[in-house]
Amino acid sequence: MSDDFDVDDVAAMRRENDGKDFRLFMRQQIADGKARREKPAPVKQAKPPGYRPGAWPAGTRPPEAPPQQHSPADWQRAADEYREWLLTADHSELDHPATQRQRCGCPACTPRSEP
């Protein structure tokens, strides 16, 4: 029974309407208790035909790596052009404290000194 009702409330429900209110109340209490107690079993999804756990679905394969659009010579030429740009001009934007933290020190970002 709910904590909201006491003995006087139950006695009043029994007296009113020839006890029909009390019977309806008790039926609802029983239904609420069953609903809390009985939970439906989870429905298990059926696996598709040919399912193998951890494998790609039948007739498929992992995606291929995207094709390289630039040859290694193109990348080398771009890095050389960037290094040349670093050497040829006064780049005050590179002296800013925010951009100094962004330089990584890799060969592409490090200007070559002239021999």
N, C-alpha and C. Protein backbone atom coordinates (compact mmCIF):
# COMPACT_ATOMS: atom_id res chain seq x y z
N MET A 1 0.84 -1.18 0.00
CA MET A 1 0.00 0.00 0.00
C MET A 1 0.88 1.24 0.00
N SER A 2 0.41 2.29 -0.55
CA SER A 2 1.16 3.53 -0.67
C SER A 2 1.29 4.21 0.68
N ASP A 3 2.35 5.00 0.83
CA ASP A 3 2.57 5.74 2.08
C ASP A 3 1.63 6.93 2.21
N ASP A 4 0.94 7.28 1.13
CA ASP A 4 0.06 8.45 1.15
C ASP A 4 -1.27 8.16 1.84
N PHE A 5 -1.59 6.90 2.11
CA PHE A 5 -2.87 6.53 2.71
C PHE A 5 -2.63 5.98 4.11
N ASP A 6 -3.52 6.32 5.01
CA ASP A 6 -3.42 5.75 6.35
C ASP A 6 -4.70 4.95 6.64
N VAL A 7 -4.85 4.46 7.84
CA VAL A 7 -5.99 3.61 8.22
C VAL A 7 -7.31 4.34 8.06
N ASP A 8 -7.35 5.62 8.38
CA ASP A 8 -8.59 6.39 8.26
C ASP A 8 -9.03 6.51 6.80
N ASP A 9 -8.07 6.68 5.89
CA ASP A 9 -8.40 6.78 4.47
C ASP A 9 -8.99 5.46 3.96
N VAL A 10 -8.43 4.35 4.37
CA VAL A 10 -8.92 3.04 3.94
C VAL A 10 -10.33 2.82 4.48
N ALA A 11 -10.55 3.18 5.74
CA ALA A 11 -11.89 3.02 6.34
C ALA A 11 -12.91 3.87 5.60
N ALA A 12 -12.54 5.07 5.19
CA ALA A 12 -13.45 5.95 4.47
C ALA A 12 -13.78 5.36 3.09
N MET A 13 -12.78 4.77 2.42
CA MET A 13 -13.04 4.16 1.11
C MET A 13 -13.98 2.97 1.24
N ARG A 14 -13.87 2.21 2.33
CA ARG A 14 -14.76 1.06 2.52
C ARG A 14 -16.20 1.50 2.75
N ARG A 15 -16.37 2.63 3.41
CA ARG A 15 -17.73 3.10 3.71
C ARG A 15 -18.39 3.72 2.47
N GLU A 16 -17.65 4.38 1.65
CA GLU A 16 -18.21 5.10 0.50
C GLU A 16 -18.53 4.15 -0.65
N ASN A 17 -19.67 4.39 -1.31
CA ASN A 17 -20.04 3.70 -2.55
C ASN A 17 -20.05 2.18 -2.39
N ASP A 18 -20.48 1.71 -1.23
CA ASP A 18 -20.57 0.28 -0.91
C ASP A 18 -19.25 -0.46 -1.08
N GLY A 19 -18.15 0.23 -0.87
CA GLY A 19 -16.84 -0.41 -0.93
C GLY A 19 -16.27 -0.55 -2.33
N LYS A 20 -16.97 -0.05 -3.35
CA LYS A 20 -16.48 -0.18 -4.71
C LYS A 20 -15.18 0.62 -4.91
N ASP A 21 -15.12 1.79 -4.29
CA ASP A 21 -13.90 2.60 -4.40
C ASP A 21 -12.71 1.85 -3.81
N PHE A 22 -12.93 1.18 -2.67
CA PHE A 22 -11.84 0.45 -2.03
C PHE A 22 -11.39 -0.71 -2.92
N ARG A 23 -12.34 -1.45 -3.53
CA ARG A 23 -11.96 -2.57 -4.39
C ARG A 23 -11.19 -2.08 -5.62
N LEU A 24 -11.65 -0.98 -6.20
CA LEU A 24 -10.92 -0.42 -7.35
C LEU A 24 -9.51 0.02 -6.96
N PHE A 25 -9.40 0.62 -5.79
CA PHE A 25 -8.10 1.06 -5.29
C PHE A 25 -7.17 -0.14 -5.10
N MET A 26 -7.67 -1.19 -4.49
CA MET A 26 -6.84 -2.37 -4.25
C MET A 26 -6.45 -3.06 -5.56
N ARG A 27 -7.36 -3.12 -6.53
CA ARG A 27 -7.01 -3.72 -7.83
C ARG A 27 -5.90 -2.92 -8.52
N GLN A 28 -6.00 -1.61 -8.39
CA GLN A 28 -4.97 -0.77 -9.00
C GLN A 28 -3.63 -0.96 -8.29
N GLN A 29 -3.65 -1.13 -6.97
CA GLN A 29 -2.42 -1.38 -6.22
C GLN A 29 -1.78 -2.69 -6.68
N ILE A 30 -2.60 -3.72 -6.88
CA ILE A 30 -2.08 -5.01 -7.34
C ILE A 30 -1.50 -4.88 -8.74
N ALA A 31 -2.21 -4.19 -9.63
CA ALA A 31 -1.72 -4.00 -11.01
C ALA A 31 -0.41 -3.23 -11.02
N ASP A 32 -0.29 -2.18 -10.19
CA ASP A 32 0.95 -1.41 -10.13
C ASP A 32 2.10 -2.28 -9.64
N GLY A 33 1.84 -3.12 -8.64
CA GLY A 33 2.88 -4.01 -8.13
C GLY A 33 3.35 -5.01 -9.16
N LYS A 34 2.41 -5.58 -9.92
CA LYS A 34 2.79 -6.53 -10.97
C LYS A 34 3.60 -5.85 -12.06
N ALA A 35 3.19 -4.64 -12.39
CA ALA A 35 3.91 -3.91 -13.45
C ALA A 35 5.35 -3.63 -13.03
N ARG A 36 5.56 -3.34 -11.76
CA ARG A 36 6.93 -3.10 -11.28
C ARG A 36 7.73 -4.39 -11.23
N ARG A 37 7.07 -5.48 -10.91
CA ARG A 37 7.75 -6.75 -10.70
C ARG A 37 8.03 -7.48 -12.02
N GLU A 38 7.08 -7.49 -12.93
CA GLU A 38 7.22 -8.26 -14.16
C GLU A 38 7.67 -7.37 -15.30
N LYS A 39 8.91 -7.55 -15.70
CA LYS A 39 9.43 -6.80 -16.83
C LYS A 39 9.53 -7.77 -18.00
N PRO A 40 9.12 -7.35 -19.18
CA PRO A 40 9.19 -8.26 -20.32
C PRO A 40 10.65 -8.58 -20.65
N ALA A 41 10.86 -9.80 -21.09
CA ALA A 41 12.21 -10.21 -21.47
C ALA A 41 12.62 -9.43 -22.71
N PRO A 42 13.86 -9.01 -22.77
CA PRO A 42 14.30 -8.26 -23.95
C PRO A 42 14.24 -9.15 -25.19
N VAL A 43 13.80 -8.57 -26.28
CA VAL A 43 13.69 -9.30 -27.54
C VAL A 43 15.05 -9.31 -28.20
N LYS A 44 15.55 -10.50 -28.48
CA LYS A 44 16.86 -10.63 -29.07
C LYS A 44 16.73 -10.52 -30.58
N GLN A 45 17.55 -9.66 -31.17
CA GLN A 45 17.52 -9.47 -32.61
C GLN A 45 18.09 -10.70 -33.30
N ALA A 46 17.44 -11.15 -34.35
CA ALA A 46 17.95 -12.28 -35.13
C ALA A 46 19.12 -11.80 -35.97
N LYS A 47 20.15 -12.62 -36.03
CA LYS A 47 21.32 -12.29 -36.84
C LYS A 47 21.01 -12.54 -38.31
N PRO A 48 21.53 -11.73 -39.20
CA PRO A 48 21.29 -11.95 -40.63
C PRO A 48 21.95 -13.25 -41.09
N PRO A 49 21.47 -13.84 -42.17
CA PRO A 49 22.07 -15.08 -42.67
C PRO A 49 23.54 -14.87 -43.02
N GLY A 50 24.36 -15.81 -42.65
CA GLY A 50 25.79 -15.72 -42.96
C GLY A 50 26.56 -14.81 -42.02
N TYR A 51 25.97 -14.43 -40.91
CA TYR A 51 26.63 -13.51 -39.97
C TYR A 51 27.82 -14.19 -39.31
N ARG A 52 28.94 -13.49 -39.31
CA ARG A 52 30.13 -13.96 -38.59
C ARG A 52 30.55 -12.83 -37.67
N PRO A 53 30.61 -13.06 -36.37
CA PRO A 53 30.96 -11.97 -35.47
C PRO A 53 32.36 -11.43 -35.75
N GLY A 54 32.47 -10.12 -35.80
CA GLY A 54 33.76 -9.47 -35.99
C GLY A 54 34.25 -9.43 -37.42
N ALA A 55 33.50 -9.96 -38.36
CA ALA A 55 33.94 -9.99 -39.75
C ALA A 55 33.13 -8.98 -40.56
N TRP A 56 33.66 -8.62 -41.70
CA TRP A 56 32.90 -7.77 -42.61
C TRP A 56 31.75 -8.60 -43.16
N PRO A 57 30.62 -7.99 -43.42
CA PRO A 57 29.49 -8.75 -43.98
C PRO A 57 29.89 -9.45 -45.28
N ALA A 58 29.24 -10.57 -45.55
CA ALA A 58 29.57 -11.34 -46.75
C ALA A 58 29.42 -10.47 -48.00
N GLY A 59 30.38 -10.58 -48.89
CA GLY A 59 30.33 -9.82 -50.14
C GLY A 59 30.88 -8.41 -50.02
N THR A 60 31.42 -8.05 -48.87
CA THR A 60 32.00 -6.71 -48.71
C THR A 60 33.44 -6.84 -48.25
N ARG A 61 34.14 -5.72 -48.22
CA ARG A 61 35.52 -5.71 -47.73
C ARG A 61 35.81 -4.33 -47.16
N PRO A 62 36.88 -4.19 -46.42
CA PRO A 62 37.22 -2.88 -45.87
C PRO A 62 37.50 -1.89 -47.00
N PRO A 63 37.28 -0.62 -46.75
CA PRO A 63 37.55 0.37 -47.80
C PRO A 63 39.05 0.47 -48.08
N GLU A 64 39.36 0.75 -49.31
CA GLU A 64 40.76 0.92 -49.69
C GLU A 64 41.22 2.33 -49.33
N ALA A 65 42.52 2.47 -49.18
CA ALA A 65 43.09 3.80 -48.93
C ALA A 65 42.85 4.66 -50.16
N PRO A 66 42.59 5.95 -49.95
CA PRO A 66 42.38 6.80 -51.13
C PRO A 66 43.66 6.87 -51.96
N PRO A 67 43.51 6.95 -53.26
CA PRO A 67 44.71 7.00 -54.11
C PRO A 67 45.48 8.31 -53.87
N GLN A 68 46.79 8.19 -53.95
CA GLN A 68 47.64 9.37 -53.78
C GLN A 68 47.46 10.27 -55.00
N GLN A 69 47.19 11.53 -54.73
CA GLN A 69 47.01 12.46 -55.84
C GLN A 69 48.32 13.13 -56.22
N HIS A 70 49.30 13.05 -55.33
CA HIS A 70 50.59 13.71 -55.58
C HIS A 70 51.71 12.69 -55.44
N SER A 71 52.67 12.80 -56.31
CA SER A 71 53.81 11.89 -56.26
C SER A 71 54.78 12.36 -55.17
N PRO A 72 55.67 11.49 -54.73
CA PRO A 72 56.68 11.92 -53.74
C PRO A 72 57.52 13.10 -54.23
N ALA A 73 57.75 13.18 -55.55
CA ALA A 73 58.52 14.31 -56.08
C ALA A 73 57.73 15.61 -55.90
N ASP A 74 56.41 15.55 -56.05
CA ASP A 74 55.58 16.75 -55.82
C ASP A 74 55.68 17.21 -54.37
N TRP A 75 55.63 16.27 -53.44
CA TRP A 75 55.74 16.63 -52.02
C TRP A 75 57.10 17.25 -51.72
N GLN A 76 58.16 16.67 -52.29
CA GLN A 76 59.51 17.20 -52.06
C GLN A 76 59.63 18.61 -52.64
N ARG A 77 59.08 18.83 -53.83
CA ARG A 77 59.13 20.14 -54.45
C ARG A 77 58.37 21.17 -53.59
N ALA A 78 57.21 20.78 -53.05
CA ALA A 78 56.43 21.69 -52.20
C ALA A 78 57.19 22.02 -50.92
N ALA A 79 57.86 21.03 -50.32
CA ALA A 79 58.64 21.30 -49.11
C ALA A 79 59.82 22.22 -49.42
N ASP A 80 60.47 22.00 -50.55
CA ASP A 80 61.58 22.87 -50.93
C ASP A 80 61.11 24.30 -51.17
N GLU A 81 59.96 24.47 -51.82
CA GLU A 81 59.42 25.81 -52.03
C GLU A 81 59.09 26.49 -50.71
N TYR A 82 58.57 25.74 -49.75
CA TYR A 82 58.25 26.31 -48.45
C TYR A 82 59.52 26.73 -47.72
N ARG A 83 60.55 25.89 -47.77
CA ARG A 83 61.81 26.25 -47.12
C ARG A 83 62.41 27.50 -47.78
N GLU A 84 62.31 27.57 -49.09
CA GLU A 84 62.82 28.75 -49.81
C GLU A 84 62.06 30.00 -49.37
N TRP A 85 60.76 29.88 -49.23
CA TRP A 85 59.94 31.01 -48.77
C TRP A 85 60.36 31.44 -47.37
N LEU A 86 60.67 30.47 -46.49
CA LEU A 86 61.12 30.81 -45.15
C LEU A 86 62.44 31.58 -45.17
N LEU A 87 63.35 31.25 -46.10
CA LEU A 87 64.68 31.87 -46.15
C LEU A 87 64.67 33.24 -46.83
N THR A 88 63.76 33.46 -47.77
CA THR A 88 63.87 34.64 -48.62
C THR A 88 63.23 35.89 -48.07
N ALA A 89 62.38 35.83 -47.09
CA ALA A 89 61.68 37.03 -46.64
C ALA A 89 61.79 37.16 -45.13
N ASP A 90 61.51 38.39 -44.69
CA ASP A 90 61.46 38.64 -43.25
C ASP A 90 60.04 38.31 -42.79
N HIS A 91 59.89 37.21 -42.09
CA HIS A 91 58.58 36.74 -41.68
C HIS A 91 58.32 37.14 -40.23
N SER A 92 57.85 38.35 -40.05
CA SER A 92 57.57 38.82 -38.70
C SER A 92 56.43 38.03 -38.06
N GLU A 93 55.54 37.45 -38.90
CA GLU A 93 54.43 36.67 -38.33
C GLU A 93 54.94 35.42 -37.62
N LEU A 94 56.12 34.94 -38.01
CA LEU A 94 56.67 33.75 -37.35
C LEU A 94 57.31 34.09 -36.01
N ASP A 95 57.56 35.38 -35.75
CA ASP A 95 58.15 35.78 -34.47
C ASP A 95 57.10 35.99 -33.40
N HIS A 96 55.86 35.94 -33.76
CA HIS A 96 54.77 36.12 -32.80
C HIS A 96 54.75 34.91 -31.85
N PRO A 97 54.58 35.14 -30.53
CA PRO A 97 54.63 34.02 -29.58
C PRO A 97 53.63 32.90 -29.88
N ALA A 98 52.49 33.25 -30.43
CA ALA A 98 51.49 32.21 -30.71
C ALA A 98 51.97 31.27 -31.81
N THR A 99 52.63 31.82 -32.84
CA THR A 99 53.08 30.98 -33.95
C THR A 99 54.35 30.23 -33.59
N GLN A 100 55.15 30.73 -32.68
CA GLN A 100 56.35 30.01 -32.29
C GLN A 100 55.99 28.69 -31.62
N ARG A 101 54.86 28.67 -30.93
CA ARG A 101 54.44 27.42 -30.30
C ARG A 101 53.97 26.42 -31.36
N GLN A 102 53.63 26.90 -32.56
CA GLN A 102 53.08 26.01 -33.57
C GLN A 102 54.16 25.35 -34.43
N ARG A 103 55.35 25.88 -34.42
CA ARG A 103 56.40 25.27 -35.22
C ARG A 103 56.79 23.94 -34.58
N CYS A 104 56.86 22.92 -35.40
CA CYS A 104 57.11 21.59 -34.83
C CYS A 104 58.56 21.16 -34.92
N GLY A 105 59.37 21.75 -35.76
CA GLY A 105 60.77 21.36 -35.87
C GLY A 105 61.01 20.24 -36.87
N CYS A 106 59.98 19.84 -37.60
CA CYS A 106 60.18 18.79 -38.61
C CYS A 106 61.01 19.36 -39.76
N PRO A 107 61.57 18.52 -40.62
CA PRO A 107 62.40 19.04 -41.72
C PRO A 107 61.66 20.01 -42.64
N ALA A 108 60.36 19.85 -42.80
CA ALA A 108 59.64 20.78 -43.68
C ALA A 108 59.52 22.15 -43.05
N CYS A 109 59.40 22.21 -41.74
CA CYS A 109 59.23 23.50 -41.06
C CYS A 109 60.57 24.15 -40.71
N THR A 110 61.65 23.42 -40.80
CA THR A 110 62.96 23.97 -40.42
C THR A 110 63.65 24.49 -41.66
N PRO A 111 63.96 25.79 -41.70
CA PRO A 111 64.66 26.31 -42.90
C PRO A 111 66.08 25.78 -42.96
N ARG A 112 66.51 25.51 -44.19
CA ARG A 112 67.90 25.07 -44.37
C ARG A 112 68.79 26.29 -44.37
N SER A 113 69.91 26.20 -43.72
CA SER A 113 70.85 27.35 -43.75
C SER A 113 71.64 27.27 -45.05
N GLU A 114 71.94 28.42 -45.57
CA GLU A 114 72.69 28.48 -46.81
C GLU A 114 74.15 28.10 -46.52
N PRO A 115 74.75 27.22 -47.35
CA PRO A 115 76.14 26.80 -47.10
C PRO A 115 77.13 27.88 -47.42
